[in-house]
Amino acid sequence: MLVLLIWVIPNPAAAGAAVGNAFQAMIIFFRSIGTAASALIVL
């Protein structure tokens, strides 16, 4: 956590981009799982 703070404070733009990318990846991941699950339910 401390390392993360040391990295975020001098470079907020890169940290924001990294967090945004992580959220986007998670959303895509869960959406693909949801699509697969709904396809299985339909079958």
PDB file of N, CA and C in Angstrom:
ATOM      1  N   MET A   1       0.838  -1.201   0.000  1.00  0.00           N
ATOM      2  CA  MET A   1       0.000   0.000   0.000  1.00  0.00           C
ATOM      3  C   MET A   1       0.869   1.245   0.000  1.00  0.00           C
ATOM      4  N   LEU A   2       1.910   1.245   0.850  1.00  0.00           N
ATOM      5  CA  LEU A   2       2.809   2.392   0.936  1.00  0.00           C
ATOM      6  C   LEU A   2       3.539   2.594  -0.388  1.00  0.00           C
ATOM      7  N   VAL A   3       3.974   1.496  -1.000  1.00  0.00           N
ATOM      8  CA  VAL A   3       4.656   1.580  -2.297  1.00  0.00           C
ATOM      9  C   VAL A   3       3.727   2.194  -3.329  1.00  0.00           C
ATOM     10  N   LEU A   4       2.453   1.800  -3.287  1.00  0.00           N
ATOM     11  CA  LEU A   4       1.463   2.326  -4.219  1.00  0.00           C
ATOM     12  C   LEU A   4       1.317   3.834  -4.048  1.00  0.00           C
ATOM     13  N   LEU A   5       1.255   4.300  -2.790  1.00  0.00           N
ATOM     14  CA  LEU A   5       1.132   5.731  -2.519  1.00  0.00           C
ATOM     15  C   LEU A   5       2.348   6.485  -3.027  1.00  0.00           C
ATOM     16  N   ILE A   6       3.540   5.931  -2.801  1.00  0.00           N
ATOM     17  CA  ILE A   6       4.775   6.581  -3.253  1.00  0.00           C
ATOM     18  C   ILE A   6       4.772   6.697  -4.777  1.00  0.00           C
ATOM     19  N   TRP A   7       4.187   5.706  -5.450  1.00  0.00           N
ATOM     20  CA  TRP A   7       4.157   5.715  -6.910  1.00  0.00           C
ATOM     21  C   TRP A   7       3.068   6.639  -7.435  1.00  0.00           C
ATOM     22  N   VAL A   8       1.924   6.708  -6.723  1.00  0.00           N
ATOM     23  CA  VAL A   8       0.783   7.492  -7.207  1.00  0.00           C
ATOM     24  C   VAL A   8       1.026   8.992  -7.074  1.00  0.00           C
ATOM     25  N   ILE A   9       1.579   9.427  -5.933  1.00  0.00           N
ATOM     26  CA  ILE A   9       1.699  10.862  -5.655  1.00  0.00           C
ATOM     27  C   ILE A   9       2.523  11.598  -6.720  1.00  0.00           C
ATOM     28  N   PRO A  10       3.703  11.099  -7.147  1.00  0.00           N
ATOM     29  CA  PRO A  10       4.443  11.831  -8.174  1.00  0.00           C
ATOM     30  C   PRO A  10       3.865  11.682  -9.577  1.00  0.00           C
ATOM     31  N   ASN A  11       3.029  10.687  -9.800  1.00  0.00           N
ATOM     32  CA  ASN A  11       2.563  10.422 -11.160  1.00  0.00           C
ATOM     33  C   ASN A  11       1.069  10.093 -11.176  1.00  0.00           C
ATOM     34  N   PRO A  12       0.213  11.068 -10.860  1.00  0.00           N
ATOM     35  CA  PRO A  12      -1.226  10.784 -10.762  1.00  0.00           C
ATOM     36  C   PRO A  12      -1.867  10.409 -12.095  1.00  0.00           C
ATOM     37  N   ALA A  13      -1.357  10.985 -13.203  1.00  0.00           N
ATOM     38  CA  ALA A  13      -1.962  10.698 -14.506  1.00  0.00           C
ATOM     39  C   ALA A  13      -1.776   9.233 -14.877  1.00  0.00           C
ATOM     40  N   ALA A  14      -0.566   8.722 -14.693  1.00  0.00           N
ATOM     41  CA  ALA A  14      -0.291   7.319 -15.012  1.00  0.00           C
ATOM     42  C   ALA A  14      -1.080   6.402 -14.082  1.00  0.00           C
ATOM     43  N   ALA A  15      -1.179   6.791 -12.806  1.00  0.00           N
ATOM     44  CA  ALA A  15      -1.934   5.989 -11.841  1.00  0.00           C
ATOM     45  C   ALA A  15      -3.406   5.949 -12.236  1.00  0.00           C
ATOM     46  N   GLY A  16      -3.944   7.100 -12.616  1.00  0.00           N
ATOM     47  CA  GLY A  16      -5.343   7.162 -13.045  1.00  0.00           C
ATOM     48  C   GLY A  16      -5.586   6.301 -14.270  1.00  0.00           C
ATOM     49  N   ALA A  17      -4.651   6.346 -15.219  1.00  0.00           N
ATOM     50  CA  ALA A  17      -4.782   5.537 -16.428  1.00  0.00           C
ATOM     51  C   ALA A  17      -4.731   4.053 -16.083  1.00  0.00           C
ATOM     52  N   ALA A  18      -3.830   3.678 -15.175  1.00  0.00           N
ATOM     53  CA  ALA A  18      -3.694   2.273 -14.785  1.00  0.00           C
ATOM     54  C   ALA A  18      -4.970   1.788 -14.106  1.00  0.00           C
ATOM     55  N   VAL A  19      -5.519   2.618 -13.210  1.00  0.00           N
ATOM     56  CA  VAL A  19      -6.761   2.243 -12.519  1.00  0.00           C
ATOM     57  C   VAL A  19      -7.900   2.130 -13.526  1.00  0.00           C
ATOM     58  N   GLY A  20      -7.974   3.090 -14.452  1.00  0.00           N
ATOM     59  CA  GLY A  20      -9.014   3.050 -15.481  1.00  0.00           C
ATOM     60  C   GLY A  20      -8.910   1.795 -16.326  1.00  0.00           C
ATOM     61  N   ASN A  21      -7.687   1.435 -16.717  1.00  0.00           N
ATOM     62  CA  ASN A  21      -7.479   0.225 -17.513  1.00  0.00           C
ATOM     63  C   ASN A  21      -7.878  -1.012 -16.731  1.00  0.00           C
ATOM     64  N   ALA A  22      -7.561  -1.036 -15.438  1.00  0.00           N
ATOM     65  CA  ALA A  22      -7.908  -2.187 -14.597  1.00  0.00           C
ATOM     66  C   ALA A  22      -9.425  -2.335 -14.508  1.00  0.00           C
ATOM     67  N   PHE A  23     -10.139  -1.220 -14.297  1.00  0.00           N
ATOM     68  CA  PHE A  23     -11.601  -1.282 -14.219  1.00  0.00           C
ATOM     69  C   PHE A  23     -12.186  -1.742 -15.549  1.00  0.00           C
ATOM     70  N   GLN A  24     -11.638  -1.215 -16.650  1.00  0.00           N
ATOM     71  CA  GLN A  24     -12.134  -1.587 -17.974  1.00  0.00           C
ATOM     72  C   GLN A  24     -11.926  -3.077 -18.221  1.00  0.00           C
ATOM     73  N   ALA A  25     -10.756  -3.582 -17.846  1.00  0.00           N
ATOM     74  CA  ALA A  25     -10.466  -5.006 -18.024  1.00  0.00           C
ATOM     75  C   ALA A  25     -11.422  -5.856 -17.190  1.00  0.00           C
ATOM     76  N   MET A  26     -11.697  -5.414 -15.951  1.00  0.00           N
ATOM     77  CA  MET A  26     -12.621  -6.153 -15.086  1.00  0.00           C
ATOM     78  C   MET A  26     -14.021  -6.170 -15.673  1.00  0.00           C
ATOM     79  N   ILE A  27     -14.470  -5.025 -16.191  1.00  0.00           N
ATOM     80  CA  ILE A  27     -15.813  -4.935 -16.770  1.00  0.00           C
ATOM     81  C   ILE A  27     -15.924  -5.870 -17.970  1.00  0.00           C
ATOM     82  N   ILE A  28     -14.905  -5.851 -18.846  1.00  0.00           N
ATOM     83  CA  ILE A  28     -14.909  -6.723 -20.023  1.00  0.00           C
ATOM     84  C   ILE A  28     -14.916  -8.183 -19.593  1.00  0.00           C
ATOM     85  N   PHE A  29     -14.109  -8.502 -18.567  1.00  0.00           N
ATOM     86  CA  PHE A  29     -14.000  -9.869 -18.059  1.00  0.00           C
ATOM     87  C   PHE A  29     -15.349 -10.358 -17.537  1.00  0.00           C
ATOM     88  N   PHE A  30     -15.990  -9.545 -16.673  1.00  0.00           N
ATOM     89  CA  PHE A  30     -17.278  -9.950 -16.102  1.00  0.00           C
ATOM     90  C   PHE A  30     -18.353 -10.019 -17.176  1.00  0.00           C
ATOM     91  N   ARG A  31     -18.293  -9.108 -18.153  1.00  0.00           N
ATOM     92  CA  ARG A  31     -19.288  -9.111 -19.222  1.00  0.00           C
ATOM     93  C   ARG A  31     -19.168 -10.385 -20.047  1.00  0.00           C
ATOM     94  N   SER A  32     -17.931 -10.805 -20.336  1.00  0.00           N
ATOM     95  CA  SER A  32     -17.740 -12.031 -21.120  1.00  0.00           C
ATOM     96  C   SER A  32     -18.220 -13.245 -20.333  1.00  0.00           C
ATOM     97  N   ILE A  33     -17.978 -13.259 -19.014  1.00  0.00           N
ATOM     98  CA  ILE A  33     -18.472 -14.358 -18.171  1.00  0.00           C
ATOM     99  C   ILE A  33     -20.001 -14.351 -18.169  1.00  0.00           C
ATOM    100  N   GLY A  34     -20.597 -13.170 -18.045  1.00  0.00           N
ATOM    101  CA  GLY A  34     -22.053 -13.054 -18.044  1.00  0.00           C
ATOM    102  C   GLY A  34     -22.646 -13.534 -19.357  1.00  0.00           C
ATOM    103  N   THR A  35     -22.001 -13.183 -20.464  1.00  0.00           N
ATOM    104  CA  THR A  35     -22.472 -13.617 -21.780  1.00  0.00           C
ATOM    105  C   THR A  35     -22.403 -15.129 -21.898  1.00  0.00           C
ATOM    106  N   ALA A  36     -21.289 -15.710 -21.454  1.00  0.00           N
ATOM    107  CA  ALA A  36     -21.127 -17.163 -21.504  1.00  0.00           C
ATOM    108  C   ALA A  36     -22.168 -17.837 -20.617  1.00  0.00           C
ATOM    109  N   ALA A  37     -22.394 -17.296 -19.426  1.00  0.00           N
ATOM    110  CA  ALA A  37     -23.359 -17.883 -18.494  1.00  0.00           C
ATOM    111  C   ALA A  37     -24.767 -17.822 -19.077  1.00  0.00           C
ATOM    112  N   SER A  38     -25.147 -16.679 -19.653  1.00  0.00           N
ATOM    113  CA  SER A  38     -26.491 -16.553 -20.211  1.00  0.00           C
ATOM    114  C   SER A  38     -26.657 -17.466 -21.425  1.00  0.00           C
ATOM    115  N   ALA A  39     -25.591 -17.648 -22.203  1.00  0.00           N
ATOM    116  CA  ALA A  39     -25.649 -18.563 -23.343  1.00  0.00           C
ATOM    117  C   ALA A  39     -25.859 -19.995 -22.857  1.00  0.00           C
ATOM    118  N   LEU A  40     -25.174 -20.366 -21.778  1.00  0.00           N
ATOM    119  CA  LEU A  40     -25.337 -21.708 -21.213  1.00  0.00           C
ATOM    120  C   LEU A  40     -26.754 -21.899 -20.673  1.00  0.00           C
ATOM    121  N   ILE A  41     -27.291 -20.852 -20.034  1.00  0.00           N
ATOM    122  CA  ILE A  41     -28.650 -20.937 -19.471  1.00  0.00           C
ATOM    123  C   ILE A  41     -29.661 -21.116 -20.605  1.00  0.00           C
ATOM    124  N   VAL A  42     -29.471 -20.374 -21.702  1.00  0.00           N
ATOM    125  CA  VAL A  42     -30.382 -20.468 -22.848  1.00  0.00           C
ATOM    126  C   VAL A  42     -30.318 -21.862 -23.455  1.00  0.00           C
ATOM    127  N   LEU A  43     -29.098 -22.412 -23.573  1.00  0.00           N
ATOM    128  CA  LEU A  43     -28.947 -23.764 -24.123  1.00  0.00           C
ATOM    129  C   LEU A  43     -29.566 -24.774 -23.158  1.00  0.00           C
TER     130      LEU A  43
END
